[in-house]
Structure formats: C-alpha cells, structure tokens
Amino acid sequence: FEDPSDYCVLKNDWPYGFEPGIFHIVVWTRTPIATDDTVGDMTPESR
C-alpha cells in the first residue's frame, strides 16, 4: 500500500449479509502482506 499502482480498491461482488447502510470493499495488493507460520494471520508489523 505504499505505491498506488500496487493496490486496487474494488467493490466486493459477494458481500456478507449486512444490515442496510453497510458496504463491503476489497483492497487487492500485488505486494505480499507478511503473515505468520501458524494460521497465516498477519504479523504485528504488517498489521
């Protein structure tokens, strides 16, 4: 997310079941986001 050319902000085609007024967006990045080696959650730095 440092360079705008490396990420893309899109509306989610398949949002979860939300009450009215809540909108779902997905930000895609071609720069990998670091995760841990257990369940694949983010590291403190990447968070």
All heavy atoms as atom14 arrays in JSON, in Angstrom:
{
  "sequence": "FEDPSDYCVLKNDWPYGFEPGIFHIVVWTRTPIATDDTVGDMTPESR",
  "atom14_mask": [
    [1, 1, 1, 1, 1, 1, 1, 1, 1, 1, 1, 0, 0, 0],
    [1, 1, 1, 1, 1, 1, 1, 1, 1, 0, 0, 0, 0, 0],
    [1, 1, 1, 1, 1, 1, 1, 1, 0, 0, 0, 0, 0, 0],
    [1, 1, 1, 1, 1, 1, 1, 0, 0, 0, 0, 0, 0, 0],
    [1, 1, 1, 1, 1, 1, 0, 0, 0, 0, 0, 0, 0, 0],
    [1, 1, 1, 1, 1, 1, 1, 1, 0, 0, 0, 0, 0, 0],
    [1, 1, 1, 1, 1, 1, 1, 1, 1, 1, 1, 1, 0, 0],
    [1, 1, 1, 1, 1, 1, 0, 0, 0, 0, 0, 0, 0, 0],
    [1, 1, 1, 1, 1, 1, 1, 0, 0, 0, 0, 0, 0, 0],
    [1, 1, 1, 1, 1, 1, 1, 1, 0, 0, 0, 0, 0, 0],
    [1, 1, 1, 1, 1, 1, 1, 1, 1, 0, 0, 0, 0, 0],
    [1, 1, 1, 1, 1, 1, 1, 1, 0, 0, 0, 0, 0, 0],
    [1, 1, 1, 1, 1, 1, 1, 1, 0, 0, 0, 0, 0, 0],
    [1, 1, 1, 1, 1, 1, 1, 1, 1, 1, 1, 1, 1, 1],
    [1, 1, 1, 1, 1, 1, 1, 0, 0, 0, 0, 0, 0, 0],
    [1, 1, 1, 1, 1, 1, 1, 1, 1, 1, 1, 1, 0, 0],
    [1, 1, 1, 1, 0, 0, 0, 0, 0, 0, 0, 0, 0, 0],
    [1, 1, 1, 1, 1, 1, 1, 1, 1, 1, 1, 0, 0, 0],
    [1, 1, 1, 1, 1, 1, 1, 1, 1, 0, 0, 0, 0, 0],
    [1, 1, 1, 1, 1, 1, 1, 0, 0, 0, 0, 0, 0, 0],
    [1, 1, 1, 1, 0, 0, 0, 0, 0, 0, 0, 0, 0, 0],
    [1, 1, 1, 1, 1, 1, 1, 1, 0, 0, 0, 0, 0, 0],
    [1, 1, 1, 1, 1, 1, 1, 1, 1, 1, 1, 0, 0, 0],
    [1, 1, 1, 1, 1, 1, 1, 1, 1, 1, 0, 0, 0, 0],
    [1, 1, 1, 1, 1, 1, 1, 1, 0, 0, 0, 0, 0, 0],
    [1, 1, 1, 1, 1, 1, 1, 0, 0, 0, 0, 0, 0, 0],
    [1, 1, 1, 1, 1, 1, 1, 0, 0, 0, 0, 0, 0, 0],
    [1, 1, 1, 1, 1, 1, 1, 1, 1, 1, 1, 1, 1, 1],
    [1, 1, 1, 1, 1, 1, 1, 0, 0, 0, 0, 0, 0, 0],
    [1, 1, 1, 1, 1, 1, 1, 1, 1, 1, 1, 0, 0, 0],
    [1, 1, 1, 1, 1, 1, 1, 0, 0, 0, 0, 0, 0, 0],
    [1, 1, 1, 1, 1, 1, 1, 0, 0, 0, 0, 0, 0, 0],
    [1, 1, 1, 1, 1, 1, 1, 1, 0, 0, 0, 0, 0, 0],
    [1, 1, 1, 1, 1, 0, 0, 0, 0, 0, 0, 0, 0, 0],
    [1, 1, 1, 1, 1, 1, 1, 0, 0, 0, 0, 0, 0, 0],
    [1, 1, 1, 1, 1, 1, 1, 1, 0, 0, 0, 0, 0, 0],
    [1, 1, 1, 1, 1, 1, 1, 1, 0, 0, 0, 0, 0, 0],
    [1, 1, 1, 1, 1, 1, 1, 0, 0, 0, 0, 0, 0, 0],
    [1, 1, 1, 1, 1, 1, 1, 0, 0, 0, 0, 0, 0, 0],
    [1, 1, 1, 1, 0, 0, 0, 0, 0, 0, 0, 0, 0, 0],
    [1, 1, 1, 1, 1, 1, 1, 1, 0, 0, 0, 0, 0, 0],
    [1, 1, 1, 1, 1, 1, 1, 1, 0, 0, 0, 0, 0, 0],
    [1, 1, 1, 1, 1, 1, 1, 0, 0, 0, 0, 0, 0, 0],
    [1, 1, 1, 1, 1, 1, 1, 0, 0, 0, 0, 0, 0, 0],
    [1, 1, 1, 1, 1, 1, 1, 1, 1, 0, 0, 0, 0, 0],
    [1, 1, 1, 1, 1, 1, 0, 0, 0, 0, 0, 0, 0, 0],
    [1, 1, 1, 1, 1, 1, 1, 1, 1, 1, 1, 0, 0, 0]
  ],
  "atom14_positions": [
    [[0.8, -1.24, 0.0], [0.0, 0.0, 0.0], [0.83, 1.28, 0.0], [0.3, 2.35, 0.24], [-0.97, 0.01, 1.19], [-1.78, -1.25, 1.32], [-1.57, -2.12, 2.39], [-2.72, -1.6, 0.37], [-2.3, -3.29, 2.5], [-3.45, -2.77, 0.47], [-3.24, -3.62, 1.54], [0.0, 0.0, 0.0], [0.0, 0.0, 0.0], [0.0, 0.0, 0.0]],
    [[2.11, 1.17, -0.3], [2.94, 2.38, -0.35], [2.77, 3.09, -1.69], [2.73, 4.33, -1.75], [4.41, 2.04, -0.13], [5.31, 3.26, -0.08], [6.75, 2.91, 0.24], [7.41, 2.24, -0.59], [7.23, 3.31, 1.32], [0.0, 0.0, 0.0], [0.0, 0.0, 0.0], [0.0, 0.0, 0.0], [0.0, 0.0, 0.0], [0.0, 0.0, 0.0]],
    [[2.67, 2.32, -2.79], [2.53, 2.91, -4.12], [1.14, 2.58, -4.67], [0.75, 1.41, -4.7], [3.62, 2.36, -5.05], [3.7, 3.12, -6.36], [2.76, 2.99, -7.17], [4.69, 3.84, -6.57], [0.0, 0.0, 0.0], [0.0, 0.0, 0.0], [0.0, 0.0, 0.0], [0.0, 0.0, 0.0], [0.0, 0.0, 0.0], [0.0, 0.0, 0.0]],
    [[0.38, 3.59, -5.15], [-0.98, 3.35, -5.64], [-1.07, 2.34, -6.78], [-2.1, 1.68, -6.95], [-1.44, 4.74, -6.1], [-0.62, 5.69, -5.3], [0.72, 5.03, -5.13], [0.0, 0.0, 0.0], [0.0, 0.0, 0.0], [0.0, 0.0, 0.0], [0.0, 0.0, 0.0], [0.0, 0.0, 0.0], [0.0, 0.0, 0.0], [0.0, 0.0, 0.0]],
    [[-0.01, 2.19, -7.56], [-0.05, 1.23, -8.66], [-0.02, -0.21, -8.16], [-0.33, -1.14, -8.92], [1.12, 1.47, -9.63], [2.36, 1.21, -8.99], [0.0, 0.0, 0.0], [0.0, 0.0, 0.0], [0.0, 0.0, 0.0], [0.0, 0.0, 0.0], [0.0, 0.0, 0.0], [0.0, 0.0, 0.0], [0.0, 0.0, 0.0], [0.0, 0.0, 0.0]],
    [[0.34, -0.4, -6.88], [0.47, -1.75, -6.34], [-0.8, -2.25, -5.65], [-0.85, -3.4, -5.21], [1.63, -1.81, -5.34], [2.99, -1.78, -6.02], [3.07, -2.19, -7.19], [3.97, -1.34, -5.38], [0.0, 0.0, 0.0], [0.0, 0.0, 0.0], [0.0, 0.0, 0.0], [0.0, 0.0, 0.0], [0.0, 0.0, 0.0], [0.0, 0.0, 0.0]],
    [[-1.81, -1.39, -5.52], [-3.04, -1.86, -4.89], [-4.26, -1.37, -5.69], [-4.19, -0.39, -6.44], [-3.14, -1.43, -3.43], [-3.17, 0.06, -3.17], [-4.36, 0.79, -3.23], [-2.0, 0.74, -2.84], [-4.38, 2.15, -2.97], [-2.01, 2.11, -2.59], [-3.2, 2.8, -2.66], [-3.22, 4.15, -2.41], [0.0, 0.0, 0.0], [0.0, 0.0, 0.0]],
    [[-5.35, -2.08, -5.53], [-6.56, -1.83, -6.29], [-7.76, -1.95, -5.36], [-7.91, -2.97, -4.67], [-6.65, -2.83, -7.45], [-8.15, -2.74, -8.42], [0.0, 0.0, 0.0], [0.0, 0.0, 0.0], [0.0, 0.0, 0.0], [0.0, 0.0, 0.0], [0.0, 0.0, 0.0], [0.0, 0.0, 0.0], [0.0, 0.0, 0.0], [0.0, 0.0, 0.0]],
    [[-8.61, -0.94, -5.33], [-9.77, -0.9, -4.44], [-11.03, -1.22, -5.25], [-11.37, -0.49, -6.19], [-9.91, 0.47, -3.77], [-11.06, 0.47, -2.76], [-8.59, 0.87, -3.08], [0.0, 0.0, 0.0], [0.0, 0.0, 0.0], [0.0, 0.0, 0.0], [0.0, 0.0, 0.0], [0.0, 0.0, 0.0], [0.0, 0.0, 0.0], [0.0, 0.0, 0.0]],
    [[-11.71, -2.31, -4.9], [-12.88, -2.76, -5.64], [-14.06, -3.02, -4.71], [-13.88, -3.38, -3.54], [-12.57, -4.05, -6.41], [-11.48, -3.99, -7.49], [-11.24, -5.39, -8.05], [-11.85, -3.02, -8.6], [0.0, 0.0, 0.0], [0.0, 0.0, 0.0], [0.0, 0.0, 0.0], [0.0, 0.0, 0.0], [0.0, 0.0, 0.0], [0.0, 0.0, 0.0]],
    [[-15.26, -2.88, -5.24], [-16.45, -3.3, -4.51], [-16.46, -4.81, -4.46], [-16.08, -5.49, -5.41], [-17.71, -2.8, -5.23], [-17.77, -1.29, -5.38], [-18.93, -0.87, -6.27], [-18.92, 0.63, -6.52], [-19.99, 1.06, -7.45], [0.0, 0.0, 0.0], [0.0, 0.0, 0.0], [0.0, 0.0, 0.0], [0.0, 0.0, 0.0], [0.0, 0.0, 0.0]],
    [[-16.89, -5.36, -3.33], [-16.96, -6.81, -3.18], [-18.18, -7.33, -3.92], [-19.31, -6.9, -3.68], [-17.04, -7.2, -1.7], [-16.87, -8.69, -1.49], [-16.92, -9.48, -2.41], [-16.67, -9.08, -0.24], [0.0, 0.0, 0.0], [0.0, 0.0, 0.0], [0.0, 0.0, 0.0], [0.0, 0.0, 0.0], [0.0, 0.0, 0.0], [0.0, 0.0, 0.0]],
    [[-17.96, -8.27, -4.86], [-19.07, -8.83, -5.63], [-19.96, -9.72, -4.79], [-21.14, -9.91, -5.11], [-18.52, -9.65, -6.8], [-17.78, -8.78, -7.81], [-18.17, -7.61, -7.97], [-16.81, -9.26, -8.43], [0.0, 0.0, 0.0], [0.0, 0.0, 0.0], [0.0, 0.0, 0.0], [0.0, 0.0, 0.0], [0.0, 0.0, 0.0], [0.0, 0.0, 0.0]],
    [[-19.41, -10.29, -3.71], [-20.17, -11.24, -2.89], [-20.05, -10.87, -1.41], [-19.39, -11.54, -0.64], [-19.68, -12.67, -3.14], [-19.94, -13.11, -4.53], [-19.07, -13.16, -5.58], [-21.2, -13.54, -5.06], [-19.69, -13.6, -6.71], [-21.0, -13.84, -6.43], [-22.47, -13.71, -4.51], [-22.03, -14.29, -7.25], [-23.49, -14.16, -5.32], [-23.27, -14.45, -6.67]],
    [[-20.68, -9.77, -1.0], [-20.58, -9.34, 0.4], [-21.31, -10.29, 1.35], [-22.14, -11.09, 0.93], [-21.25, -7.97, 0.39], [-22.23, -8.04, -0.73], [-21.56, -8.89, -1.78], [0.0, 0.0, 0.0], [0.0, 0.0, 0.0], [0.0, 0.0, 0.0], [0.0, 0.0, 0.0], [0.0, 0.0, 0.0], [0.0, 0.0, 0.0], [0.0, 0.0, 0.0]],
    [[-20.98, -10.18, 2.61], [-21.69, -10.95, 3.64], [-23.06, -10.32, 3.88], [-23.4, -9.28, 3.3], [-20.86, -10.98, 4.92], [-19.53, -11.69, 4.77], [-18.34, -10.96, 4.71], [-19.47, -13.08, 4.67], [-17.11, -11.61, 4.55], [-18.25, -13.73, 4.51], [-17.08, -12.98, 4.44], [-15.88, -13.62, 4.28], [0.0, 0.0, 0.0], [0.0, 0.0, 0.0]],
    [[-23.84, -10.95, 4.74], [-25.2, -10.47, 4.99], [-25.21, -9.35, 6.01], [-25.2, -9.6, 7.22], [0.0, 0.0, 0.0], [0.0, 0.0, 0.0], [0.0, 0.0, 0.0], [0.0, 0.0, 0.0], [0.0, 0.0, 0.0], [0.0, 0.0, 0.0], [0.0, 0.0, 0.0], [0.0, 0.0, 0.0], [0.0, 0.0, 0.0], [0.0, 0.0, 0.0]],
    [[-25.22, -8.11, 5.53], [-25.15, -6.95, 6.4], [-26.49, -6.22, 6.44], [-27.3, -6.29, 5.51], [-24.1, -5.95, 5.89], [-22.72, -6.5, 5.78], [-21.94, -6.25, 4.65], [-22.18, -7.27, 6.79], [-20.66, -6.74, 4.54], [-20.89, -7.77, 6.7], [-20.13, -7.51, 5.57], [0.0, 0.0, 0.0], [0.0, 0.0, 0.0], [0.0, 0.0, 0.0]],
    [[-26.7, -5.49, 7.52], [-27.85, -4.6, 7.59], [-27.66, -3.45, 6.61], [-26.53, -3.14, 6.21], [-28.02, -4.07, 9.02], [-28.53, -5.11, 10.0], [-28.99, -4.49, 11.31], [-28.63, -3.32, 11.58], [-29.7, -5.18, 12.06], [0.0, 0.0, 0.0], [0.0, 0.0, 0.0], [0.0, 0.0, 0.0], [0.0, 0.0, 0.0], [0.0, 0.0, 0.0]],
    [[-28.76, -2.79, 6.19], [-28.63, -1.67, 5.24], [-27.69, -0.59, 5.75], [-27.6, -0.33, 6.95], [-30.08, -1.14, 5.15], [-30.93, -2.32, 5.5], [-30.16, -3.08, 6.53], [0.0, 0.0, 0.0], [0.0, 0.0, 0.0], [0.0, 0.0, 0.0], [0.0, 0.0, 0.0], [0.0, 0.0, 0.0], [0.0, 0.0, 0.0], [0.0, 0.0, 0.0]],
    [[-26.97, 0.03, 4.81], [-26.04, 1.1, 5.16], [-24.61, 0.65, 5.32], [-23.71, 1.49, 5.43], [0.0, 0.0, 0.0], [0.0, 0.0, 0.0], [0.0, 0.0, 0.0], [0.0, 0.0, 0.0], [0.0, 0.0, 0.0], [0.0, 0.0, 0.0], [0.0, 0.0, 0.0], [0.0, 0.0, 0.0], [0.0, 0.0, 0.0], [0.0, 0.0, 0.0]],
    [[-24.38, -0.68, 5.31], [-23.01, -1.21, 5.45], [-22.55, -1.69, 4.08], [-23.23, -2.46, 3.41], [-22.97, -2.36, 6.47], [-23.44, -1.87, 7.83], [-21.55, -2.93, 6.57], [-23.59, -2.97, 8.87], [0.0, 0.0, 0.0], [0.0, 0.0, 0.0], [0.0, 0.0, 0.0], [0.0, 0.0, 0.0], [0.0, 0.0, 0.0], [0.0, 0.0, 0.0]],
    [[-21.38, -1.21, 3.65], [-20.86, -1.52, 2.32], [-19.53, -2.25, 2.44], [-18.71, -1.92, 3.3], [-20.69, -0.24, 1.5], [-20.57, -0.49, 0.03], [-21.7, -0.65, -0.76], [-19.33, -0.55, -0.57], [-21.59, -0.9, -2.12], [-19.2, -0.79, -1.93], [-20.34, -0.96, -2.7], [0.0, 0.0, 0.0], [0.0, 0.0, 0.0], [0.0, 0.0, 0.0]],
    [[-19.32, -3.23, 1.55], [-18.16, -4.11, 1.61], [-17.21, -3.83, 0.44], [-17.6, -3.92, -0.72], [-18.64, -5.57, 1.56], [-17.6, -6.56, 1.93], [-17.89, -7.87, 2.25], [-16.25, -6.48, 2.04], [-16.79, -8.52, 2.53], [-15.77, -7.7, 2.41], [0.0, 0.0, 0.0], [0.0, 0.0, 0.0], [0.0, 0.0, 0.0], [0.0, 0.0, 0.0]],
    [[-15.99, -3.49, 0.77], [-14.94, -3.18, -0.2], [-13.78, -4.16, 0.0], [-13.52, -4.6, 1.12], [-14.45, -1.73, -0.02], [-15.56, -0.74, -0.39], [-13.19, -1.45, -0.83], [-15.25, 0.69, -0.01], [0.0, 0.0, 0.0], [0.0, 0.0, 0.0], [0.0, 0.0, 0.0], [0.0, 0.0, 0.0], [0.0, 0.0, 0.0], [0.0, 0.0, 0.0]],
    [[-13.09, -4.5, -1.1], [-11.89, -5.33, -1.01], [-10.72, -4.57, -1.63], [-10.84, -4.04, -2.74], [-12.07, -6.69, -1.73], [-10.8, -7.53, -1.57], [-13.26, -7.44, -1.17], [0.0, 0.0, 0.0], [0.0, 0.0, 0.0], [0.0, 0.0, 0.0], [0.0, 0.0, 0.0], [0.0, 0.0, 0.0], [0.0, 0.0, 0.0], [0.0, 0.0, 0.0]],
    [[-9.61, -4.51, -0.9], [-8.4, -3.87, -1.41], [-7.41, -4.97, -1.77], [-6.94, -5.71, -0.89], [-7.79, -2.9, -0.38], [-6.59, -2.17, -1.01], [-8.81, -1.91, 0.12], [0.0, 0.0, 0.0], [0.0, 0.0, 0.0], [0.0, 0.0, 0.0], [0.0, 0.0, 0.0], [0.0, 0.0, 0.0], [0.0, 0.0, 0.0], [0.0, 0.0, 0.0]],
    [[-7.11, -5.08, -3.06], [-6.18, -6.1, -3.55], [-4.79, -5.49, -3.68], [-4.64, -4.33, -4.05], [-6.63, -6.61, -4.92], [-7.99, -7.23, -4.89], [-9.2, -6.59, -5.05], [-8.29, -8.61, -4.67], [-10.23, -7.49, -4.95], [-9.71, -8.74, -4.72], [-7.52, -9.74, -4.45], [-10.34, -9.96, -4.54], [-8.15, -10.97, -4.29], [-9.55, -11.05, -4.34]],
    [[-3.77, -6.28, -3.38], [-2.4, -5.78, -3.45], [-1.5, -6.81, -4.13], [-1.58, -8.01, -3.86], [-1.85, -5.44, -2.05], [-0.43, -5.2, -2.15], [-2.06, -6.57, -1.07], [0.0, 0.0, 0.0], [0.0, 0.0, 0.0], [0.0, 0.0, 0.0], [0.0, 0.0, 0.0], [0.0, 0.0, 0.0], [0.0, 0.0, 0.0], [0.0, 0.0, 0.0]],
    [[-0.66, -6.3, -5.04], [0.3, -7.22, -5.66], [1.58, -7.31, -4.84], [2.47, -8.1, -5.16], [0.6, -6.8, -7.09], [1.26, -5.44, -7.27], [1.6, -5.21, -8.73], [2.05, -3.85, -8.99], [2.46, -3.42, -10.18], [2.51, -4.26, -11.2], [2.84, -2.16, -10.34], [0.0, 0.0, 0.0], [0.0, 0.0, 0.0], [0.0, 0.0, 0.0]],
    [[1.7, -6.48, -3.79], [2.8, -6.62, -2.84], [2.34, -7.53, -1.72], [1.34, -7.25, -1.07], [3.2, -5.26, -2.25], [3.49, -4.34, -3.31], [4.42, -5.41, -1.35], [0.0, 0.0, 0.0], [0.0, 0.0, 0.0], [0.0, 0.0, 0.0], [0.0, 0.0, 0.0], [0.0, 0.0, 0.0], [0.0, 0.0, 0.0], [0.0, 0.0, 0.0]],
    [[3.01, -8.64, -1.47], [2.57, -9.58, -0.44], [2.5, -8.94, 0.95], [3.31, -8.07, 1.29], [3.63, -10.68, -0.48], [4.23, -10.59, -1.84], [4.21, -9.12, -2.19], [0.0, 0.0, 0.0], [0.0, 0.0, 0.0], [0.0, 0.0, 0.0], [0.0, 0.0, 0.0], [0.0, 0.0, 0.0], [0.0, 0.0, 0.0], [0.0, 0.0, 0.0]],
    [[1.52, -9.36, 1.73], [1.37, -8.93, 3.12], [1.92, -10.06, 4.01], [1.43, -11.19, 3.95], [-0.1, -8.65, 3.47], [-0.64, -7.53, 2.57], [-0.25, -8.27, 4.94], [-2.14, -7.29, 2.74], [0.0, 0.0, 0.0], [0.0, 0.0, 0.0], [0.0, 0.0, 0.0], [0.0, 0.0, 0.0], [0.0, 0.0, 0.0], [0.0, 0.0, 0.0]],
    [[2.9, -9.76, 4.82], [3.56, -10.78, 5.63], [2.59, -11.42, 6.62], [1.79, -10.72, 7.26], [4.75, -10.18, 6.36], [0.0, 0.0, 0.0], [0.0, 0.0, 0.0], [0.0, 0.0, 0.0], [0.0, 0.0, 0.0], [0.0, 0.0, 0.0], [0.0, 0.0, 0.0], [0.0, 0.0, 0.0], [0.0, 0.0, 0.0], [0.0, 0.0, 0.0]],
    [[2.66, -12.75, 6.76], [1.84, -13.48, 7.73], [2.73, -14.4, 8.54], [3.88, -14.67, 8.18], [0.76, -14.32, 7.02], [1.4, -15.24, 6.11], [-0.19, -13.44, 6.23], [0.0, 0.0, 0.0], [0.0, 0.0, 0.0], [0.0, 0.0, 0.0], [0.0, 0.0, 0.0], [0.0, 0.0, 0.0], [0.0, 0.0, 0.0], [0.0, 0.0, 0.0]],
    [[2.16, -14.91, 9.64], [2.94, -15.82, 10.48], [2.9, -17.23, 9.89], [2.29, -17.47, 8.84], [2.42, -15.82, 11.91], [0.97, -16.23, 12.01], [0.51, -17.04, 11.18], [0.27, -15.74, 12.92], [0.0, 0.0, 0.0], [0.0, 0.0, 0.0], [0.0, 0.0, 0.0], [0.0, 0.0, 0.0], [0.0, 0.0, 0.0], [0.0, 0.0, 0.0]],
    [[3.54, -18.16, 10.57], [3.64, -19.53, 10.05], [2.65, -20.48, 10.69], [2.75, -21.7, 10.5], [5.07, -20.06, 10.28], [6.11, -19.27, 9.49], [5.77, -18.82, 8.38], [7.23, -19.11, 9.98], [0.0, 0.0, 0.0], [0.0, 0.0, 0.0], [0.0, 0.0, 0.0], [0.0, 0.0, 0.0], [0.0, 0.0, 0.0], [0.0, 0.0, 0.0]],
    [[1.68, -19.97, 11.44], [0.71, -20.85, 12.09], [-0.59, -20.86, 11.3], [-0.77, -21.66, 10.39], [0.48, -20.41, 13.55], [0.12, -19.02, 13.57], [1.76, -20.59, 14.36], [0.0, 0.0, 0.0], [0.0, 0.0, 0.0], [0.0, 0.0, 0.0], [0.0, 0.0, 0.0], [0.0, 0.0, 0.0], [0.0, 0.0, 0.0], [0.0, 0.0, 0.0]],
    [[-1.54, -19.97, 11.64], [-2.8, -19.94, 10.9], [-2.74, -18.97, 9.72], [-3.72, -18.81, 8.99], [-3.97, -19.52, 11.82], [-4.18, -20.53, 12.91], [-3.74, -18.12, 12.41], [0.0, 0.0, 0.0], [0.0, 0.0, 0.0], [0.0, 0.0, 0.0], [0.0, 0.0, 0.0], [0.0, 0.0, 0.0], [0.0, 0.0, 0.0], [0.0, 0.0, 0.0]],
    [[-1.59, -18.34, 9.51], [-1.47, -17.4, 8.39], [-2.05, -16.05, 8.7], [-2.48, -15.33, 7.8], [0.0, 0.0, 0.0], [0.0, 0.0, 0.0], [0.0, 0.0, 0.0], [0.0, 0.0, 0.0], [0.0, 0.0, 0.0], [0.0, 0.0, 0.0], [0.0, 0.0, 0.0], [0.0, 0.0, 0.0], [0.0, 0.0, 0.0], [0.0, 0.0, 0.0]],
    [[-2.09, -15.66, 9.98], [-2.56, -14.34, 10.35], [-1.43, -13.33, 10.14], [-0.26, -13.69, 10.04], [-3.03, -14.33, 11.8], [-3.97, -13.18, 12.11], [-4.27, -12.41, 11.17], [-4.4, -13.05, 13.26], [0.0, 0.0, 0.0], [0.0, 0.0, 0.0], [0.0, 0.0, 0.0], [0.0, 0.0, 0.0], [0.0, 0.0, 0.0], [0.0, 0.0, 0.0]],
    [[-1.77, -12.06, 10.12], [-0.77, -11.02, 9.9], [0.23, -10.94, 11.04], [-0.1, -11.21, 12.19], [-1.45, -9.67, 9.73], [-2.17, -9.48, 8.43], [-2.98, -7.85, 8.32], [-4.3, -8.08, 9.52], [0.0, 0.0, 0.0], [0.0, 0.0, 0.0], [0.0, 0.0, 0.0], [0.0, 0.0, 0.0], [0.0, 0.0, 0.0], [0.0, 0.0, 0.0]],
    [[1.43, -10.52, 10.7], [2.43, -10.24, 11.72], [2.12, -8.87, 12.32], [1.39, -8.07, 11.72], [3.84, -10.21, 11.12], [3.91, -9.12, 10.17], [4.16, -11.53, 10.41], [0.0, 0.0, 0.0], [0.0, 0.0, 0.0], [0.0, 0.0, 0.0], [0.0, 0.0, 0.0], [0.0, 0.0, 0.0], [0.0, 0.0, 0.0], [0.0, 0.0, 0.0]],
    [[2.64, -8.57, 13.5], [2.41, -7.23, 14.09], [2.86, -6.1, 13.15], [2.19, -5.06, 13.06], [3.24, -7.27, 15.36], [3.29, -8.72, 15.74], [3.37, -9.45, 14.43], [0.0, 0.0, 0.0], [0.0, 0.0, 0.0], [0.0, 0.0, 0.0], [0.0, 0.0, 0.0], [0.0, 0.0, 0.0], [0.0, 0.0, 0.0], [0.0, 0.0, 0.0]],
    [[3.96, -6.31, 12.45], [4.46, -5.26, 11.55], [3.52, -5.05, 10.37], [3.21, -3.9, 10.01], [5.86, -5.64, 11.04], [6.94, -5.68, 12.1], [6.9, -6.96, 12.95], [6.16, -7.91, 12.56], [7.57, -7.0, 13.99], [0.0, 0.0, 0.0], [0.0, 0.0, 0.0], [0.0, 0.0, 0.0], [0.0, 0.0, 0.0], [0.0, 0.0, 0.0]],
    [[3.07, -6.15, 9.76], [2.18, -5.99, 8.61], [0.81, -5.47, 9.03], [0.16, -4.74, 8.28], [2.04, -7.33, 7.86], [1.46, -8.33, 8.67], [0.0, 0.0, 0.0], [0.0, 0.0, 0.0], [0.0, 0.0, 0.0], [0.0, 0.0, 0.0], [0.0, 0.0, 0.0], [0.0, 0.0, 0.0], [0.0, 0.0, 0.0], [0.0, 0.0, 0.0]],
    [[0.37, -5.81, 10.23], [-0.91, -5.28, 10.73], [-0.85, -3.76, 10.86], [-1.82, -3.06, 10.53], [-1.25, -5.93, 12.08], [-2.63, -5.52, 12.62], [-2.94, -6.26, 13.9], [-3.08, -7.7, 13.67], [-4.2, -8.27, 13.24], [-5.28, -7.53, 12.99], [-4.26, -9.57, 13.06], [0.0, 0.0, 0.0], [0.0, 0.0, 0.0], [0.0, 0.0, 0.0]]
  ]
}
